[in-house]
Amino acid sequence: VRESFLGIDRAHRVGTHGNTAFALVGVLDYARVVGDADLEREAAAAARRLYADDTAAVVGAEPVGWDFVSPALTEADLMRRVLDPDPFASWLDD
């Protein structure tokens, strides 16, 4: 995970299993359950690097017929896990 996933340079914003935010949520949950602080820190850093600058998600246009998750809402779910409440509210409002 560290070598092949956390260092990627762009997020896949799809409504399927290939969604990067969806995968990062799983990595964060795993790291927290097993107490792997380094993995948790690396996953949170990847989330911030990939998504912190995102703005103006068009939630009304998704999900489409083949999606099982909303890319924008999955991203928001990830970011609520890595940002404190006030920065998250500001990020979400953009």
N, C-alpha and C. Protein backbone atom coordinates (compact mmCIF):
# COMPACT_ATOMS: atom_id res chain seq x y z
N VAL A 1 0.83 -1.19 0.00
CA VAL A 1 0.00 0.00 0.00
C VAL A 1 0.87 1.25 0.00
N ARG A 2 1.88 1.27 0.83
CA ARG A 2 2.71 2.48 0.92
C ARG A 2 3.41 2.75 -0.40
N GLU A 3 3.98 1.74 -0.99
CA GLU A 3 4.78 1.94 -2.20
C GLU A 3 3.93 2.13 -3.45
N SER A 4 2.88 1.34 -3.60
CA SER A 4 2.13 1.36 -4.85
C SER A 4 0.89 2.24 -4.84
N PHE A 5 0.43 2.68 -3.69
CA PHE A 5 -0.83 3.43 -3.65
C PHE A 5 -0.70 4.82 -3.02
N LEU A 6 -0.12 4.93 -1.86
CA LEU A 6 -0.12 6.21 -1.15
C LEU A 6 0.67 7.30 -1.86
N GLY A 7 1.55 6.94 -2.76
CA GLY A 7 2.34 7.93 -3.47
C GLY A 7 1.77 8.36 -4.81
N ILE A 8 0.57 7.91 -5.16
CA ILE A 8 0.01 8.28 -6.46
C ILE A 8 -0.10 9.80 -6.58
N ASP A 9 -0.07 10.29 -7.83
CA ASP A 9 -0.06 11.74 -8.01
C ASP A 9 -1.40 12.32 -8.45
N ARG A 10 -2.40 11.48 -8.68
CA ARG A 10 -3.73 12.01 -8.97
C ARG A 10 -4.78 11.03 -8.50
N ALA A 11 -5.90 11.58 -8.08
CA ALA A 11 -6.99 10.76 -7.55
C ALA A 11 -7.90 10.29 -8.68
N HIS A 12 -8.45 9.11 -8.50
CA HIS A 12 -9.46 8.58 -9.43
C HIS A 12 -10.82 8.88 -8.81
N ARG A 13 -11.56 9.75 -9.45
CA ARG A 13 -12.86 10.21 -8.93
C ARG A 13 -13.97 9.52 -9.71
N VAL A 14 -14.20 8.28 -9.36
CA VAL A 14 -15.22 7.46 -10.02
C VAL A 14 -16.17 6.93 -8.96
N GLY A 15 -17.28 6.38 -9.39
CA GLY A 15 -18.27 5.87 -8.45
C GLY A 15 -18.19 4.38 -8.23
N THR A 16 -17.00 3.82 -8.46
CA THR A 16 -16.80 2.38 -8.34
C THR A 16 -15.64 2.09 -7.40
N HIS A 17 -15.26 0.82 -7.32
CA HIS A 17 -14.18 0.40 -6.42
C HIS A 17 -12.86 1.11 -6.69
N GLY A 18 -12.66 1.62 -7.89
CA GLY A 18 -11.42 2.30 -8.23
C GLY A 18 -11.31 3.71 -7.67
N ASN A 19 -12.28 4.16 -6.90
CA ASN A 19 -12.29 5.50 -6.32
C ASN A 19 -11.18 5.60 -5.26
N THR A 20 -10.29 6.54 -5.46
CA THR A 20 -9.15 6.70 -4.55
C THR A 20 -9.60 7.05 -3.13
N ALA A 21 -10.58 7.92 -2.99
CA ALA A 21 -11.06 8.29 -1.65
C ALA A 21 -11.65 7.08 -0.94
N PHE A 22 -12.39 6.26 -1.67
CA PHE A 22 -12.98 5.04 -1.11
C PHE A 22 -11.87 4.13 -0.56
N ALA A 23 -10.80 3.97 -1.32
CA ALA A 23 -9.68 3.14 -0.87
C ALA A 23 -8.96 3.75 0.32
N LEU A 24 -8.77 5.06 0.31
CA LEU A 24 -8.09 5.72 1.42
C LEU A 24 -8.88 5.62 2.72
N VAL A 25 -10.21 5.64 2.63
CA VAL A 25 -11.03 5.43 3.83
C VAL A 25 -10.71 4.06 4.42
N GLY A 26 -10.62 3.05 3.57
CA GLY A 26 -10.28 1.71 4.05
C GLY A 26 -8.90 1.64 4.68
N VAL A 27 -7.93 2.31 4.07
CA VAL A 27 -6.57 2.33 4.62
C VAL A 27 -6.57 3.03 5.98
N LEU A 28 -7.25 4.16 6.07
CA LEU A 28 -7.31 4.88 7.35
C LEU A 28 -7.98 4.04 8.43
N ASP A 29 -9.11 3.43 8.10
CA ASP A 29 -9.80 2.59 9.09
C ASP A 29 -8.90 1.45 9.55
N TYR A 30 -8.24 0.79 8.61
CA TYR A 30 -7.35 -0.31 8.96
C TYR A 30 -6.23 0.18 9.88
N ALA A 31 -5.58 1.27 9.49
CA ALA A 31 -4.46 1.79 10.28
C ALA A 31 -4.89 2.13 11.70
N ARG A 32 -6.07 2.69 11.83
CA ARG A 32 -6.56 3.07 13.16
C ARG A 32 -6.91 1.84 13.99
N VAL A 33 -7.49 0.83 13.38
CA VAL A 33 -7.88 -0.38 14.11
C VAL A 33 -6.66 -1.14 14.60
N VAL A 34 -5.62 -1.24 13.77
CA VAL A 34 -4.44 -2.01 14.17
C VAL A 34 -3.40 -1.15 14.89
N GLY A 35 -3.66 0.15 15.01
CA GLY A 35 -2.75 1.03 15.72
C GLY A 35 -1.47 1.36 14.97
N ASP A 36 -1.54 1.39 13.64
CA ASP A 36 -0.37 1.72 12.83
C ASP A 36 -0.36 3.23 12.57
N ALA A 37 0.24 3.97 13.48
CA ALA A 37 0.24 5.43 13.41
C ALA A 37 0.97 5.95 12.17
N ASP A 38 2.03 5.26 11.75
CA ASP A 38 2.75 5.69 10.55
C ASP A 38 1.88 5.57 9.31
N LEU A 39 1.19 4.44 9.16
CA LEU A 39 0.31 4.25 8.02
C LEU A 39 -0.84 5.26 8.05
N GLU A 40 -1.39 5.50 9.23
CA GLU A 40 -2.46 6.49 9.37
C GLU A 40 -1.98 7.87 8.94
N ARG A 41 -0.81 8.25 9.38
CA ARG A 41 -0.24 9.55 9.03
C ARG A 41 0.00 9.66 7.52
N GLU A 42 0.53 8.59 6.91
CA GLU A 42 0.79 8.60 5.48
C GLU A 42 -0.50 8.65 4.67
N ALA A 43 -1.52 7.93 5.10
CA ALA A 43 -2.80 7.94 4.39
C ALA A 43 -3.47 9.31 4.51
N ALA A 44 -3.42 9.91 5.69
CA ALA A 44 -3.99 11.24 5.88
C ALA A 44 -3.25 12.27 5.04
N ALA A 45 -1.94 12.14 4.95
CA ALA A 45 -1.15 13.06 4.13
C ALA A 45 -1.52 12.90 2.65
N ALA A 46 -1.71 11.67 2.21
CA ALA A 46 -2.12 11.43 0.82
C ALA A 46 -3.49 12.05 0.56
N ALA A 47 -4.41 11.91 1.50
CA ALA A 47 -5.75 12.50 1.35
C ALA A 47 -5.65 14.01 1.21
N ARG A 48 -4.87 14.64 2.07
CA ARG A 48 -4.73 16.09 2.01
C ARG A 48 -4.08 16.52 0.69
N ARG A 49 -3.05 15.80 0.28
CA ARG A 49 -2.34 16.13 -0.96
C ARG A 49 -3.26 16.01 -2.17
N LEU A 50 -4.09 14.98 -2.20
CA LEU A 50 -4.93 14.72 -3.36
C LEU A 50 -6.22 15.54 -3.39
N TYR A 51 -6.75 15.91 -2.21
CA TYR A 51 -8.09 16.48 -2.17
C TYR A 51 -8.21 17.85 -1.51
N ALA A 52 -7.21 18.33 -0.82
CA ALA A 52 -7.35 19.58 -0.05
C ALA A 52 -7.72 20.78 -0.92
N ASP A 53 -7.31 20.79 -2.17
CA ASP A 53 -7.59 21.94 -3.03
C ASP A 53 -8.87 21.80 -3.84
N ASP A 54 -9.61 20.72 -3.66
CA ASP A 54 -10.85 20.53 -4.42
C ASP A 54 -11.91 21.53 -3.97
N THR A 55 -12.65 22.05 -4.93
CA THR A 55 -13.75 22.97 -4.65
C THR A 55 -14.91 22.70 -5.61
N ALA A 56 -16.08 23.15 -5.23
CA ALA A 56 -17.26 23.18 -6.09
C ALA A 56 -17.64 21.82 -6.69
N ALA A 57 -17.72 20.82 -5.88
CA ALA A 57 -18.16 19.51 -6.37
C ALA A 57 -19.61 19.59 -6.83
N VAL A 58 -19.89 18.94 -7.93
CA VAL A 58 -21.24 18.94 -8.50
C VAL A 58 -21.95 17.67 -8.05
N VAL A 59 -22.44 17.67 -6.83
CA VAL A 59 -23.05 16.48 -6.25
C VAL A 59 -24.35 16.12 -6.96
N GLY A 60 -25.06 17.10 -7.49
CA GLY A 60 -26.33 16.84 -8.15
C GLY A 60 -26.22 16.03 -9.43
N ALA A 61 -25.02 15.93 -9.99
CA ALA A 61 -24.82 15.19 -11.23
C ALA A 61 -24.40 13.75 -10.99
N GLU A 62 -24.39 13.32 -9.78
CA GLU A 62 -23.98 11.95 -9.47
C GLU A 62 -24.86 11.36 -8.39
N PRO A 63 -24.83 10.11 -8.17
CA PRO A 63 -24.13 9.12 -8.97
C PRO A 63 -24.87 8.84 -10.27
N VAL A 64 -24.13 8.30 -11.23
CA VAL A 64 -24.74 7.88 -12.50
C VAL A 64 -25.08 6.40 -12.40
N GLY A 65 -25.65 5.85 -13.44
CA GLY A 65 -26.23 4.51 -13.40
C GLY A 65 -25.34 3.38 -12.94
N TRP A 66 -24.06 3.42 -13.23
CA TRP A 66 -23.17 2.32 -12.86
C TRP A 66 -22.42 2.57 -11.56
N ASP A 67 -22.59 3.73 -10.97
CA ASP A 67 -21.91 4.05 -9.71
C ASP A 67 -22.61 3.38 -8.52
N PHE A 68 -21.83 2.96 -7.57
CA PHE A 68 -22.42 2.51 -6.31
C PHE A 68 -22.04 3.44 -5.17
N VAL A 69 -21.16 4.39 -5.42
CA VAL A 69 -20.86 5.45 -4.47
C VAL A 69 -20.83 6.79 -5.21
N SER A 70 -21.10 7.84 -4.50
CA SER A 70 -20.97 9.19 -5.04
C SER A 70 -19.51 9.60 -4.89
N PRO A 71 -18.81 9.91 -5.98
CA PRO A 71 -17.42 10.33 -5.84
C PRO A 71 -17.25 11.53 -4.91
N ALA A 72 -18.11 12.53 -5.02
CA ALA A 72 -17.97 13.73 -4.19
C ALA A 72 -18.26 13.44 -2.72
N LEU A 73 -19.30 12.67 -2.45
CA LEU A 73 -19.62 12.36 -1.05
C LEU A 73 -18.60 11.42 -0.43
N THR A 74 -18.02 10.53 -1.23
CA THR A 74 -16.97 9.65 -0.73
C THR A 74 -15.73 10.47 -0.38
N GLU A 75 -15.42 11.45 -1.21
CA GLU A 75 -14.31 12.36 -0.91
C GLU A 75 -14.58 13.14 0.37
N ALA A 76 -15.80 13.62 0.54
CA ALA A 76 -16.15 14.35 1.77
C ALA A 76 -16.04 13.44 2.99
N ASP A 77 -16.45 12.19 2.85
CA ASP A 77 -16.34 11.24 3.96
C ASP A 77 -14.88 11.03 4.35
N LEU A 78 -14.01 10.95 3.36
CA LEU A 78 -12.57 10.83 3.63
C LEU A 78 -12.04 12.07 4.35
N MET A 79 -12.37 13.24 3.82
CA MET A 79 -11.80 14.46 4.38
C MET A 79 -12.30 14.76 5.78
N ARG A 80 -13.51 14.32 6.12
CA ARG A 80 -13.99 14.52 7.50
C ARG A 80 -13.17 13.69 8.47
N ARG A 81 -12.51 12.66 7.97
CA ARG A 81 -11.69 11.79 8.80
C ARG A 81 -10.29 12.36 9.03
N VAL A 82 -9.84 13.25 8.14
CA VAL A 82 -8.46 13.74 8.24
C VAL A 82 -8.35 15.22 8.60
N LEU A 83 -9.45 15.95 8.52
CA LEU A 83 -9.43 17.36 8.90
C LEU A 83 -10.17 17.56 10.21
N ASP A 84 -9.73 18.53 10.98
CA ASP A 84 -10.47 18.92 12.18
C ASP A 84 -11.80 19.54 11.75
N PRO A 85 -12.78 19.63 12.66
CA PRO A 85 -14.12 20.09 12.28
C PRO A 85 -14.18 21.45 11.58
N ASP A 86 -13.50 22.46 12.08
CA ASP A 86 -13.58 23.78 11.44
C ASP A 86 -12.94 23.80 10.05
N PRO A 87 -11.71 23.27 9.88
CA PRO A 87 -11.16 23.21 8.53
C PRO A 87 -12.00 22.35 7.58
N PHE A 88 -12.59 21.27 8.11
CA PHE A 88 -13.45 20.44 7.26
C PHE A 88 -14.67 21.23 6.81
N ALA A 89 -15.30 21.95 7.71
CA ALA A 89 -16.48 22.74 7.35
C ALA A 89 -16.13 23.77 6.28
N SER A 90 -14.99 24.40 6.42
CA SER A 90 -14.54 25.38 5.43
C SER A 90 -14.26 24.70 4.09
N TRP A 91 -13.58 23.56 4.12
CA TRP A 91 -13.28 22.81 2.90
C TRP A 91 -14.58 22.39 2.21
N LEU A 92 -15.53 21.88 2.97
CA LEU A 92 -16.79 21.39 2.41
C LEU A 92 -17.61 22.54 1.83
N ASP A 93 -17.54 23.70 2.45
CA ASP A 93 -18.30 24.86 1.99
C ASP A 93 -17.80 25.40 0.66
N ASP A 94 -16.52 25.16 0.36
CA ASP A 94 -15.96 25.63 -0.92
C ASP A 94 -16.51 24.80 -2.04
